[in-house]
Amino acid sequence: MARGGIGPAAPIFYTRAANVNPFLRMSWRHLRGFGTTSRAANEVFGVPKVWSISPESAEQFLALAIGFAVAGLMSSGYQLVTERPPSFRLLEQGANPATFAAIPFLVFAAPFIIMRNTIRGRVIERRRFEFVMVATVIAGVWSLMSGTVVVMAFEQVARVIG
């Protein structure tokens, strides 16, 4: 018996296929050159294009790199002098001149401290990926801002000297 008990038994694939209209077809158009580049796309007036980066993007990338480099340099210098790694606990000493002197240091050394604590937290405490990603973005933005300040300071010194 077929489904519902009426008529002869039929294979399941035949009863399901009978519900489909055989004239309905979906033809997809062929995408020419999808994922590839044509010769015309790589040339402008017969001259090959050269991939380049905008000057603003290059400047921001260098500011990011300089920010991380300055943070690492300041943190390593602090550790060389005091024989202990820098941390944000320098601000917990109360209202004294050493605390106020630590603020400019921490402003520029913070990306290194954040990344060091993030990597150690991932390895030791098994912190989640999302936390590591957010901390990395915060350290990157902080490094970009501090690197921009360092680049601007270098530019002003270069104007005064030259």
Protein backbone atom coordinates (compact mmCIF):
# COMPACT_ATOMS: atom_id res chain seq x y z
CA MET A 1 0.00 0.00 0.00
CA ALA A 2 1.09 3.55 -0.67
CA ARG A 3 0.98 6.31 1.87
CA GLY A 4 -2.48 6.84 3.21
CA GLY A 5 -3.49 3.29 2.34
CA ILE A 6 -4.84 4.04 -1.15
CA GLY A 7 -3.46 2.54 -4.33
CA PRO A 8 -0.54 0.23 -5.00
CA ALA A 9 2.70 0.54 -3.08
CA ALA A 10 5.22 2.81 -4.79
CA PRO A 11 8.82 3.50 -3.98
CA ILE A 12 9.33 6.56 -1.78
CA PHE A 13 11.60 8.33 -4.28
CA TYR A 14 8.87 8.09 -6.92
CA THR A 15 6.20 9.62 -4.70
CA ARG A 16 8.45 12.48 -3.65
CA ALA A 17 9.57 13.15 -7.21
CA ALA A 18 5.98 13.32 -8.38
CA ASN A 19 5.53 16.49 -6.29
CA VAL A 20 8.25 18.38 -8.20
CA ASN A 21 7.47 20.22 -11.40
CA PRO A 22 10.04 19.00 -13.97
CA PHE A 23 9.82 22.27 -15.94
CA LEU A 24 11.10 24.40 -13.07
CA ARG A 25 14.78 24.95 -13.56
CA MET A 26 17.14 27.48 -12.08
CA SER A 27 19.96 28.26 -14.39
CA TRP A 28 22.80 30.25 -12.90
CA ARG A 29 24.62 32.62 -15.16
CA HIS A 30 28.28 31.93 -15.62
CA LEU A 31 30.53 34.48 -13.96
CA ARG A 32 33.33 35.19 -16.38
CA GLY A 33 36.69 35.68 -14.75
CA PHE A 34 35.39 35.32 -11.22
CA GLY A 35 38.33 35.23 -8.84
CA THR A 36 40.79 36.08 -11.57
CA THR A 37 41.88 39.34 -13.06
CA SER A 38 41.78 40.09 -16.70
CA ARG A 39 44.56 41.79 -18.58
CA ALA A 40 42.53 44.98 -18.88
CA ALA A 41 42.06 45.14 -15.10
CA ASN A 42 45.82 45.05 -14.54
CA GLU A 43 46.64 47.78 -17.03
CA VAL A 44 45.90 51.46 -17.28
CA PHE A 45 46.46 52.82 -20.81
CA GLY A 46 48.72 49.86 -21.56
CA VAL A 47 50.93 50.47 -18.50
CA PRO A 48 50.83 47.73 -15.84
CA LYS A 49 49.32 48.75 -12.51
CA VAL A 50 51.57 48.58 -9.48
CA TRP A 51 49.87 47.82 -6.21
CA SER A 52 50.55 50.58 -3.75
CA ILE A 53 49.49 51.75 -0.33
CA SER A 54 48.27 55.24 0.37
CA PRO A 55 50.68 57.56 2.20
CA GLU A 56 48.20 57.98 5.06
CA SER A 57 48.00 54.22 5.57
CA ALA A 58 51.78 53.89 5.52
CA GLU A 59 52.09 56.70 8.06
CA GLN A 60 49.54 55.06 10.38
CA PHE A 61 51.28 51.68 10.08
CA LEU A 62 54.62 53.28 10.96
CA ALA A 63 53.02 55.12 13.90
CA LEU A 64 51.64 51.79 15.15
CA ALA A 65 55.05 50.13 14.83
CA ILE A 66 56.85 53.07 16.45
CA GLY A 67 54.32 53.04 19.30
CA PHE A 68 55.00 49.38 20.06
CA ALA A 69 58.76 49.92 19.69
CA VAL A 70 58.77 52.86 22.11
CA ALA A 71 56.62 50.90 24.56
CA GLY A 72 59.02 47.97 24.45
CA LEU A 73 62.05 50.25 24.75
CA MET A 74 60.66 52.08 27.77
CA SER A 75 59.55 48.85 29.48
CA SER A 76 62.91 47.20 28.89
CA GLY A 77 64.72 50.29 30.17
CA TYR A 78 62.56 50.34 33.29
CA GLN A 79 63.22 46.65 33.89
CA LEU A 80 66.96 47.17 33.37
CA VAL A 81 67.09 49.94 35.97
CA THR A 82 64.70 48.58 38.61
CA GLU A 83 65.21 44.82 38.02
CA ARG A 84 61.44 44.21 37.97
CA PRO A 85 58.90 44.39 35.16
CA PRO A 86 56.75 47.51 34.85
CA SER A 87 53.08 47.25 35.77
CA PHE A 88 50.05 49.42 36.33
CA ARG A 89 50.57 48.95 40.07
CA LEU A 90 52.92 51.92 39.92
CA LEU A 91 49.75 54.00 40.24
CA GLU A 92 48.75 52.34 43.53
CA GLN A 93 51.48 54.01 45.62
CA GLY A 94 49.25 56.85 46.77
CA ALA A 95 49.58 60.58 46.16
CA ASN A 96 53.33 61.12 46.00
CA PRO A 97 55.69 62.47 43.34
CA ALA A 98 56.68 58.96 42.19
CA THR A 99 53.08 58.21 41.24
CA PHE A 100 52.81 61.39 39.19
CA ALA A 101 56.14 60.61 37.51
CA ALA A 102 54.85 57.15 36.59
CA ILE A 103 51.88 58.52 34.61
CA PRO A 104 53.83 59.69 31.51
CA PHE A 105 55.88 56.51 31.63
CA LEU A 106 52.76 54.32 31.72
CA VAL A 107 51.10 56.31 28.93
CA PHE A 108 53.87 55.26 26.53
CA ALA A 109 54.69 51.83 28.03
CA ALA A 110 51.06 50.65 28.34
CA PRO A 111 50.81 48.76 24.99
CA PHE A 112 53.75 46.55 25.98
CA ILE A 113 52.34 45.96 29.47
CA ILE A 114 48.87 45.13 28.10
CA MET A 115 50.25 42.66 25.55
CA ARG A 116 52.61 41.05 28.09
CA ASN A 117 49.75 40.57 30.55
CA THR A 118 47.45 39.31 27.79
CA ILE A 119 49.91 36.69 26.55
CA ARG A 120 50.71 35.55 30.07
CA GLY A 121 46.99 35.37 30.89
CA ARG A 122 46.31 33.28 27.80
CA VAL A 123 49.11 30.83 28.58
CA ILE A 124 48.76 30.61 32.36
CA GLU A 125 45.07 31.27 33.03
CA ARG A 126 43.71 29.91 29.72
CA ARG A 127 41.78 33.11 29.00
CA ARG A 128 39.26 33.00 26.20
CA PHE A 129 40.10 34.08 22.67
CA GLU A 130 37.61 36.96 22.76
CA PHE A 131 39.34 38.53 25.76
CA VAL A 132 42.74 38.21 24.08
CA MET A 133 41.38 39.77 20.88
CA VAL A 134 39.84 42.74 22.70
CA ALA A 135 43.03 43.33 24.70
CA THR A 136 45.08 43.19 21.50
CA VAL A 137 42.84 45.75 19.82
CA ILE A 138 43.07 48.04 22.86
CA ALA A 139 46.86 47.73 22.93
CA GLY A 140 47.03 48.37 19.17
CA VAL A 141 44.88 51.50 19.34
CA TRP A 142 46.86 52.73 22.34
CA SER A 143 50.10 52.06 20.48
CA LEU A 144 48.79 53.90 17.42
CA MET A 145 47.96 56.96 19.51
CA SER A 146 51.24 56.99 21.44
CA GLY A 147 53.16 56.32 18.22
CA THR A 148 51.40 59.26 16.59
CA VAL A 149 52.52 61.49 19.47
CA VAL A 150 56.11 60.23 19.10
CA VAL A 151 56.07 60.81 15.33
CA MET A 152 54.70 64.32 15.83
CA ALA A 153 57.41 65.02 18.41
CA PHE A 154 60.08 63.79 15.95
CA GLU A 155 58.63 66.04 13.25
CA GLN A 156 58.78 69.07 15.54
CA VAL A 157 62.37 68.31 16.52
CA ALA A 158 63.27 67.95 12.84
CA ARG A 159 61.69 71.34 12.07
CA VAL A 160 63.60 73.02 14.90
CA ILE A 161 66.93 71.44 13.93
CA GLY A 162 66.64 71.67 10.18
